[in-house]
Amino acid sequence: MLKAYPATQLFLLWLVILILLVFITPLLTEWHYFSTLLNSLKFIVKVICGFFLVCTLIELKELMHSRKQKHFH
């Protein structure tokens, strides 16, 4: 179903990674270095998720626009 939407696939993939990082971070807070590293990774993954979310929204807008064009023809 999502084969035609690569940005959506990438967004969901990075969202899963972000969720895993969010759940792993409290387990590793005892080790200060790992905690700092995971917090940095969470920030980077949030930025990547935001980028792919914007790409997904652009894909959806183009899809809706192309459906409207087909409907009028």
PDB file of N, CA and C in Angstrom:
ATOM      1  N   MET A   1       0.814  -1.185   0.000  1.00  0.00           N
ATOM      2  CA  MET A   1       0.000   0.000   0.000  1.00  0.00           C
ATOM      3  C   MET A   1       0.866   1.260   0.000  1.00  0.00           C
ATOM      4  N   LEU A   2       1.970   1.227   0.714  1.00  0.00           N
ATOM      5  CA  LEU A   2       2.811   2.416   0.818  1.00  0.00           C
ATOM      6  C   LEU A   2       3.951   2.435  -0.197  1.00  0.00           C
ATOM      7  N   LYS A   3       3.959   1.510  -1.146  1.00  0.00           N
ATOM      8  CA  LYS A   3       5.055   1.463  -2.112  1.00  0.00           C
ATOM      9  C   LYS A   3       5.121   2.725  -2.953  1.00  0.00           C
ATOM     10  N   ALA A   4       4.001   3.352  -3.194  1.00  0.00           N
ATOM     11  CA  ALA A   4       3.968   4.559  -4.015  1.00  0.00           C
ATOM     12  C   ALA A   4       4.315   5.806  -3.205  1.00  0.00           C
ATOM     13  N   TYR A   5       4.530   5.662  -1.922  1.00  0.00           N
ATOM     14  CA  TYR A   5       4.786   6.810  -1.051  1.00  0.00           C
ATOM     15  C   TYR A   5       6.096   6.613  -0.283  1.00  0.00           C
ATOM     16  N   PRO A   6       7.237   6.844  -0.928  1.00  0.00           N
ATOM     17  CA  PRO A   6       8.516   6.597  -0.240  1.00  0.00           C
ATOM     18  C   PRO A   6       8.750   7.511   0.958  1.00  0.00           C
ATOM     19  N   ALA A   7       8.296   8.750   0.901  1.00  0.00           N
ATOM     20  CA  ALA A   7       8.498   9.647   2.041  1.00  0.00           C
ATOM     21  C   ALA A   7       7.710   9.158   3.251  1.00  0.00           C
ATOM     22  N   THR A   8       6.540   8.607   3.013  1.00  0.00           N
ATOM     23  CA  THR A   8       5.737   8.073   4.115  1.00  0.00           C
ATOM     24  C   THR A   8       6.417   6.857   4.728  1.00  0.00           C
ATOM     25  N   GLN A   9       6.985   6.008   3.882  1.00  0.00           N
ATOM     26  CA  GLN A   9       7.714   4.849   4.391  1.00  0.00           C
ATOM     27  C   GLN A   9       8.882   5.284   5.261  1.00  0.00           C
ATOM     28  N   LEU A  10       9.645   6.249   4.775  1.00  0.00           N
ATOM     29  CA  LEU A  10      10.795   6.725   5.538  1.00  0.00           C
ATOM     30  C   LEU A  10      10.363   7.408   6.830  1.00  0.00           C
ATOM     31  N   PHE A  11       9.270   8.163   6.771  1.00  0.00           N
ATOM     32  CA  PHE A  11       8.759   8.808   7.984  1.00  0.00           C
ATOM     33  C   PHE A  11       8.382   7.763   9.026  1.00  0.00           C
ATOM     34  N   LEU A  12       7.673   6.727   8.615  1.00  0.00           N
ATOM     35  CA  LEU A  12       7.265   5.691   9.566  1.00  0.00           C
ATOM     36  C   LEU A  12       8.467   4.936  10.118  1.00  0.00           C
ATOM     37  N   LEU A  13       9.462   4.682   9.275  1.00  0.00           N
ATOM     38  CA  LEU A  13      10.672   4.004   9.728  1.00  0.00           C
ATOM     39  C   LEU A  13      11.389   4.826  10.797  1.00  0.00           C
ATOM     40  N   TRP A  14      11.585   6.111  10.539  1.00  0.00           N
ATOM     41  CA  TRP A  14      12.275   6.966  11.505  1.00  0.00           C
ATOM     42  C   TRP A  14      11.421   7.195  12.748  1.00  0.00           C
ATOM     43  N   LEU A  15      10.105   7.160  12.605  1.00  0.00           N
ATOM     44  CA  LEU A  15       9.234   7.293  13.770  1.00  0.00           C
ATOM     45  C   LEU A  15       9.380   6.085  14.691  1.00  0.00           C
ATOM     46  N   VAL A  16       9.502   4.903  14.112  1.00  0.00           N
ATOM     47  CA  VAL A  16       9.721   3.693  14.915  1.00  0.00           C
ATOM     48  C   VAL A  16      11.063   3.792  15.645  1.00  0.00           C
ATOM     49  N   ILE A  17      12.085   4.280  14.940  1.00  0.00           N
ATOM     50  CA  ILE A  17      13.396   4.448  15.573  1.00  0.00           C
ATOM     51  C   ILE A  17      13.304   5.440  16.729  1.00  0.00           C
ATOM     52  N   LEU A  18      12.572   6.530  16.525  1.00  0.00           N
ATOM     53  CA  LEU A  18      12.406   7.521  17.588  1.00  0.00           C
ATOM     54  C   LEU A  18      11.690   6.924  18.793  1.00  0.00           C
ATOM     55  N   ILE A  19      10.659   6.149  18.552  1.00  0.00           N
ATOM     56  CA  ILE A  19       9.923   5.517  19.654  1.00  0.00           C
ATOM     57  C   ILE A  19      10.833   4.564  20.424  1.00  0.00           C
ATOM     58  N   LEU A  20      11.648   3.799  19.700  1.00  0.00           N
ATOM     59  CA  LEU A  20      12.590   2.905  20.377  1.00  0.00           C
ATOM     60  C   LEU A  20      13.585   3.692  21.224  1.00  0.00           C
ATOM     61  N   LEU A  21      14.094   4.792  20.686  1.00  0.00           N
ATOM     62  CA  LEU A  21      15.033   5.610  21.458  1.00  0.00           C
ATOM     63  C   LEU A  21      14.380   6.193  22.704  1.00  0.00           C
ATOM     64  N   VAL A  22      13.125   6.588  22.582  1.00  0.00           N
ATOM     65  CA  VAL A  22      12.419   7.153  23.736  1.00  0.00           C
ATOM     66  C   VAL A  22      12.253   6.105  24.833  1.00  0.00           C
ATOM     67  N   PHE A  23      11.994   4.856  24.454  1.00  0.00           N
ATOM     68  CA  PHE A  23      11.818   3.813  25.460  1.00  0.00           C
ATOM     69  C   PHE A  23      13.145   3.297  26.012  1.00  0.00           C
ATOM     70  N   ILE A  24      14.220   3.379  25.234  1.00  0.00           N
ATOM     71  CA  ILE A  24      15.519   2.885  25.687  1.00  0.00           C
ATOM     72  C   ILE A  24      16.207   3.884  26.612  1.00  0.00           C
ATOM     73  N   THR A  25      16.003   5.164  26.375  1.00  0.00           N
ATOM     74  CA  THR A  25      16.721   6.193  27.129  1.00  0.00           C
ATOM     75  C   THR A  25      16.566   6.064  28.648  1.00  0.00           C
ATOM     76  N   PRO A  26      15.373   5.865  29.194  1.00  0.00           N
ATOM     77  CA  PRO A  26      15.279   5.743  30.666  1.00  0.00           C
ATOM     78  C   PRO A  26      16.039   4.540  31.225  1.00  0.00           C
ATOM     79  N   LEU A  27      16.198   3.503  30.426  1.00  0.00           N
ATOM     80  CA  LEU A  27      16.919   2.321  30.902  1.00  0.00           C
ATOM     81  C   LEU A  27      18.417   2.576  31.016  1.00  0.00           C
ATOM     82  N   LEU A  28      18.927   3.498  30.209  1.00  0.00           N
ATOM     83  CA  LEU A  28      20.368   3.746  30.180  1.00  0.00           C
ATOM     84  C   LEU A  28      20.775   5.066  30.828  1.00  0.00           C
ATOM     85  N   THR A  29      19.901   5.661  31.604  1.00  0.00           N
ATOM     86  CA  THR A  29      20.238   6.948  32.220  1.00  0.00           C
ATOM     87  C   THR A  29      21.311   6.810  33.296  1.00  0.00           C
ATOM     88  N   GLU A  30      21.538   5.609  33.790  1.00  0.00           N
ATOM     89  CA  GLU A  30      22.580   5.407  34.794  1.00  0.00           C
ATOM     90  C   GLU A  30      23.959   5.678  34.206  1.00  0.00           C
ATOM     91  N   TRP A  31      24.134   5.359  32.932  1.00  0.00           N
ATOM     92  CA  TRP A  31      25.407   5.605  32.268  1.00  0.00           C
ATOM     93  C   TRP A  31      25.313   6.957  31.576  1.00  0.00           C
ATOM     94  N   HIS A  32      26.011   7.907  32.117  1.00  0.00           N
ATOM     95  CA  HIS A  32      25.896   9.296  31.668  1.00  0.00           C
ATOM     96  C   HIS A  32      26.237   9.451  30.184  1.00  0.00           C
ATOM     97  N   TYR A  33      27.275   8.771  29.727  1.00  0.00           N
ATOM     98  CA  TYR A  33      27.696   8.927  28.328  1.00  0.00           C
ATOM     99  C   TYR A  33      26.638   8.393  27.369  1.00  0.00           C
ATOM    100  N   PHE A  34      26.053   7.249  27.693  1.00  0.00           N
ATOM    101  CA  PHE A  34      25.006   6.698  26.835  1.00  0.00           C
ATOM    102  C   PHE A  34      23.768   7.581  26.842  1.00  0.00           C
ATOM    103  N   SER A  35      23.460   8.135  27.980  1.00  0.00           N
ATOM    104  CA  SER A  35      22.293   9.010  28.078  1.00  0.00           C
ATOM    105  C   SER A  35      22.474  10.252  27.216  1.00  0.00           C
ATOM    106  N   THR A  36      23.650  10.855  27.269  1.00  0.00           N
ATOM    107  CA  THR A  36      23.936  12.036  26.449  1.00  0.00           C
ATOM    108  C   THR A  36      23.888  11.685  24.974  1.00  0.00           C
ATOM    109  N   LEU A  37      24.465  10.556  24.624  1.00  0.00           N
ATOM    110  CA  LEU A  37      24.458  10.112  23.228  1.00  0.00           C
ATOM    111  C   LEU A  37      23.036   9.861  22.746  1.00  0.00           C
ATOM    112  N   LEU A  38      22.221   9.202  23.561  1.00  0.00           N
ATOM    113  CA  LEU A  38      20.845   8.922  23.164  1.00  0.00           C
ATOM    114  C   LEU A  38      20.019  10.197  23.051  1.00  0.00           C
ATOM    115  N   ASN A  39      20.264  11.160  23.919  1.00  0.00           N
ATOM    116  CA  ASN A  39      19.548  12.434  23.800  1.00  0.00           C
ATOM    117  C   ASN A  39      19.909  13.142  22.501  1.00  0.00           C
ATOM    118  N   SER A  40      21.173  13.083  22.116  1.00  0.00           N
ATOM    119  CA  SER A  40      21.591  13.668  20.841  1.00  0.00           C
ATOM    120  C   SER A  40      20.947  12.928  19.673  1.00  0.00           C
ATOM    121  N   LEU A  41      20.929  11.609  19.760  1.00  0.00           N
ATOM    122  CA  LEU A  41      20.304  10.815  18.697  1.00  0.00           C
ATOM    123  C   LEU A  41      18.813  11.102  18.592  1.00  0.00           C
ATOM    124  N   LYS A  42      18.161  11.268  19.733  1.00  0.00           N
ATOM    125  CA  LYS A  42      16.727  11.582  19.701  1.00  0.00           C
ATOM    126  C   LYS A  42      16.478  12.902  18.991  1.00  0.00           C
ATOM    127  N   PHE A  43      17.313  13.890  19.241  1.00  0.00           N
ATOM    128  CA  PHE A  43      17.148  15.177  18.571  1.00  0.00           C
ATOM    129  C   PHE A  43      17.334  15.028  17.065  1.00  0.00           C
ATOM    130  N   ILE A  44      18.374  14.310  16.661  1.00  0.00           N
ATOM    131  CA  ILE A  44      18.631  14.114  15.230  1.00  0.00           C
ATOM    132  C   ILE A  44      17.473  13.376  14.577  1.00  0.00           C
ATOM    133  N   VAL A  45      16.971  12.339  15.232  1.00  0.00           N
ATOM    134  CA  VAL A  45      15.861  11.563  14.676  1.00  0.00           C
ATOM    135  C   VAL A  45      14.594  12.412  14.611  1.00  0.00           C
ATOM    136  N   LYS A  46      14.380  13.291  15.584  1.00  0.00           N
ATOM    137  CA  LYS A  46      13.215  14.182  15.530  1.00  0.00           C
ATOM    138  C   LYS A  46      13.296  15.113  14.329  1.00  0.00           C
ATOM    139  N   VAL A  47      14.481  15.624  14.046  1.00  0.00           N
ATOM    140  CA  VAL A  47      14.659  16.493  12.877  1.00  0.00           C
ATOM    141  C   VAL A  47      14.393  15.716  11.597  1.00  0.00           C
ATOM    142  N   ILE A  48      14.917  14.497  11.516  1.00  0.00           N
ATOM    143  CA  ILE A  48      14.697  13.664  10.329  1.00  0.00           C
ATOM    144  C   ILE A  48      13.215  13.331  10.185  1.00  0.00           C
ATOM    145  N   CYS A  49      12.545  12.991  11.287  1.00  0.00           N
ATOM    146  CA  CYS A  49      11.102  12.710  11.241  1.00  0.00           C
ATOM    147  C   CYS A  49      10.330  13.929  10.764  1.00  0.00           C
ATOM    148  N   GLY A  50      10.697  15.086  11.242  1.00  0.00           N
ATOM    149  CA  GLY A  50      10.030  16.310  10.795  1.00  0.00           C
ATOM    150  C   GLY A  50      10.205  16.534   9.311  1.00  0.00           C
ATOM    151  N   PHE A  51      11.410  16.296   8.806  1.00  0.00           N
ATOM    152  CA  PHE A  51      11.666  16.446   7.374  1.00  0.00           C
ATOM    153  C   PHE A  51      10.800  15.492   6.559  1.00  0.00           C
ATOM    154  N   PHE A  52      10.770  14.224   6.958  1.00  0.00           N
ATOM    155  CA  PHE A  52       9.979  13.258   6.207  1.00  0.00           C
ATOM    156  C   PHE A  52       8.482  13.473   6.388  1.00  0.00           C
ATOM    157  N   LEU A  53       8.065  14.045   7.510  1.00  0.00           N
ATOM    158  CA  LEU A  53       6.655  14.395   7.677  1.00  0.00           C
ATOM    159  C   LEU A  53       6.262  15.476   6.677  1.00  0.00           C
ATOM    160  N   VAL A  54       7.122  16.471   6.512  1.00  0.00           N
ATOM    161  CA  VAL A  54       6.852  17.518   5.519  1.00  0.00           C
ATOM    162  C   VAL A  54       6.800  16.912   4.123  1.00  0.00           C
ATOM    163  N   CYS A  55       7.733  16.015   3.806  1.00  0.00           N
ATOM    164  CA  CYS A  55       7.725  15.350   2.494  1.00  0.00           C
ATOM    165  C   CYS A  55       6.449  14.538   2.298  1.00  0.00           C
ATOM    166  N   THR A  56       5.998  13.868   3.352  1.00  0.00           N
ATOM    167  CA  THR A  56       4.761  13.094   3.277  1.00  0.00           C
ATOM    168  C   THR A  56       3.568  13.998   3.010  1.00  0.00           C
ATOM    169  N   LEU A  57       3.520  15.129   3.689  1.00  0.00           N
ATOM    170  CA  LEU A  57       2.416  16.067   3.464  1.00  0.00           C
ATOM    171  C   LEU A  57       2.438  16.607   2.036  1.00  0.00           C
ATOM    172  N   ILE A  58       3.620  16.850   1.495  1.00  0.00           N
ATOM    173  CA  ILE A  58       3.727  17.299   0.105  1.00  0.00           C
ATOM    174  C   ILE A  58       3.234  16.215  -0.840  1.00  0.00           C
ATOM    175  N   GLU A  59       3.614  14.947  -0.573  1.00  0.00           N
ATOM    176  CA  GLU A  59       3.131  13.840  -1.405  1.00  0.00           C
ATOM    177  C   GLU A  59       1.611  13.745  -1.368  1.00  0.00           C
ATOM    178  N   LEU A  60       1.031  13.881  -0.184  1.00  0.00           N
ATOM    179  CA  LEU A  60      -0.429  13.805  -0.067  1.00  0.00           C
ATOM    180  C   LEU A  60      -1.105  14.950  -0.814  1.00  0.00           C
ATOM    181  N   LYS A  61      -0.522  16.141  -0.730  1.00  0.00           N
ATOM    182  CA  LYS A  61      -1.087  17.284  -1.441  1.00  0.00           C
ATOM    183  C   LYS A  61      -1.033  17.056  -2.947  1.00  0.00           C
ATOM    184  N   GLU A  62       0.103  16.542  -3.449  1.00  0.00           N
ATOM    185  CA  GLU A  62       0.216  16.255  -4.875  1.00  0.00           C
ATOM    186  C   GLU A  62      -0.762  15.166  -5.299  1.00  0.00           C
ATOM    187  N   LEU A  63      -0.952  14.163  -4.445  1.00  0.00           N
ATOM    188  CA  LEU A  63      -1.896  13.090  -4.750  1.00  0.00           C
ATOM    189  C   LEU A  63      -3.312  13.631  -4.839  1.00  0.00           C
ATOM    190  N   MET A  64      -3.694  14.470  -3.892  1.00  0.00           N
ATOM    191  CA  MET A  64      -5.043  15.042  -3.924  1.00  0.00           C
ATOM    192  C   MET A  64      -5.214  15.946  -5.139  1.00  0.00           C
ATOM    193  N   HIS A  65      -4.181  16.688  -5.490  1.00  0.00           N
ATOM    194  CA  HIS A  65      -4.249  17.572  -6.653  1.00  0.00           C
ATOM    195  C   HIS A  65      -4.374  16.758  -7.940  1.00  0.00           C
ATOM    196  N   SER A  66      -3.620  15.655  -8.034  1.00  0.00           N
ATOM    197  CA  SER A  66      -3.699  14.836  -9.249  1.00  0.00           C
ATOM    198  C   SER A  66      -5.053  14.138  -9.357  1.00  0.00           C
ATOM    199  N   ARG A  67      -5.643  13.757  -8.233  1.00  0.00           N
ATOM    200  CA  ARG A  67      -6.978  13.147  -8.273  1.00  0.00           C
ATOM    201  C   ARG A  67      -8.024  14.154  -8.728  1.00  0.00           C
ATOM    202  N   LYS A  68      -7.883  15.409  -8.303  1.00  0.00           N
ATOM    203  CA  LYS A  68      -8.815  16.442  -8.743  1.00  0.00           C
ATOM    204  C   LYS A  68      -8.681  16.680 -10.236  1.00  0.00           C
ATOM    205  N   GLN A  69      -7.451  16.657 -10.741  1.00  0.00           N
ATOM    206  CA  GLN A  69      -7.232  16.865 -12.172  1.00  0.00           C
ATOM    207  C   GLN A  69      -7.843  15.722 -12.983  1.00  0.00           C
ATOM    208  N   LYS A  70      -7.698  14.485 -12.510  1.00  0.00           N
ATOM    209  CA  LYS A  70      -8.282  13.337 -13.205  1.00  0.00           C
ATOM    210  C   LYS A  70      -9.802  13.398 -13.156  1.00  0.00           C
ATOM    211  N   HIS A  71     -10.334  13.895 -12.050  1.00  0.00           N
ATOM    212  CA  HIS A  71     -11.782  13.973 -11.890  1.00  0.00           C
ATOM    213  C   HIS A  71     -12.390  14.962 -12.882  1.00  0.00           C
ATOM    214  N   PHE A  72     -11.681  16.050 -13.163  1.00  0.00           N
ATOM    215  CA  PHE A  72     -12.205  17.065 -14.068  1.00  0.00           C
ATOM    216  C   PHE A  72     -12.102  16.654 -15.533  1.00  0.00           C
ATOM    217  N   HIS A  73     -11.236  15.705 -15.869  1.00  0.00           N
ATOM    218  CA  HIS A  73     -11.083  15.293 -17.278  1.00  0.00           C
ATOM    219  C   HIS A  73     -12.052  14.230 -17.658  1.00  0.00           C
TER     220      HIS A  73
END
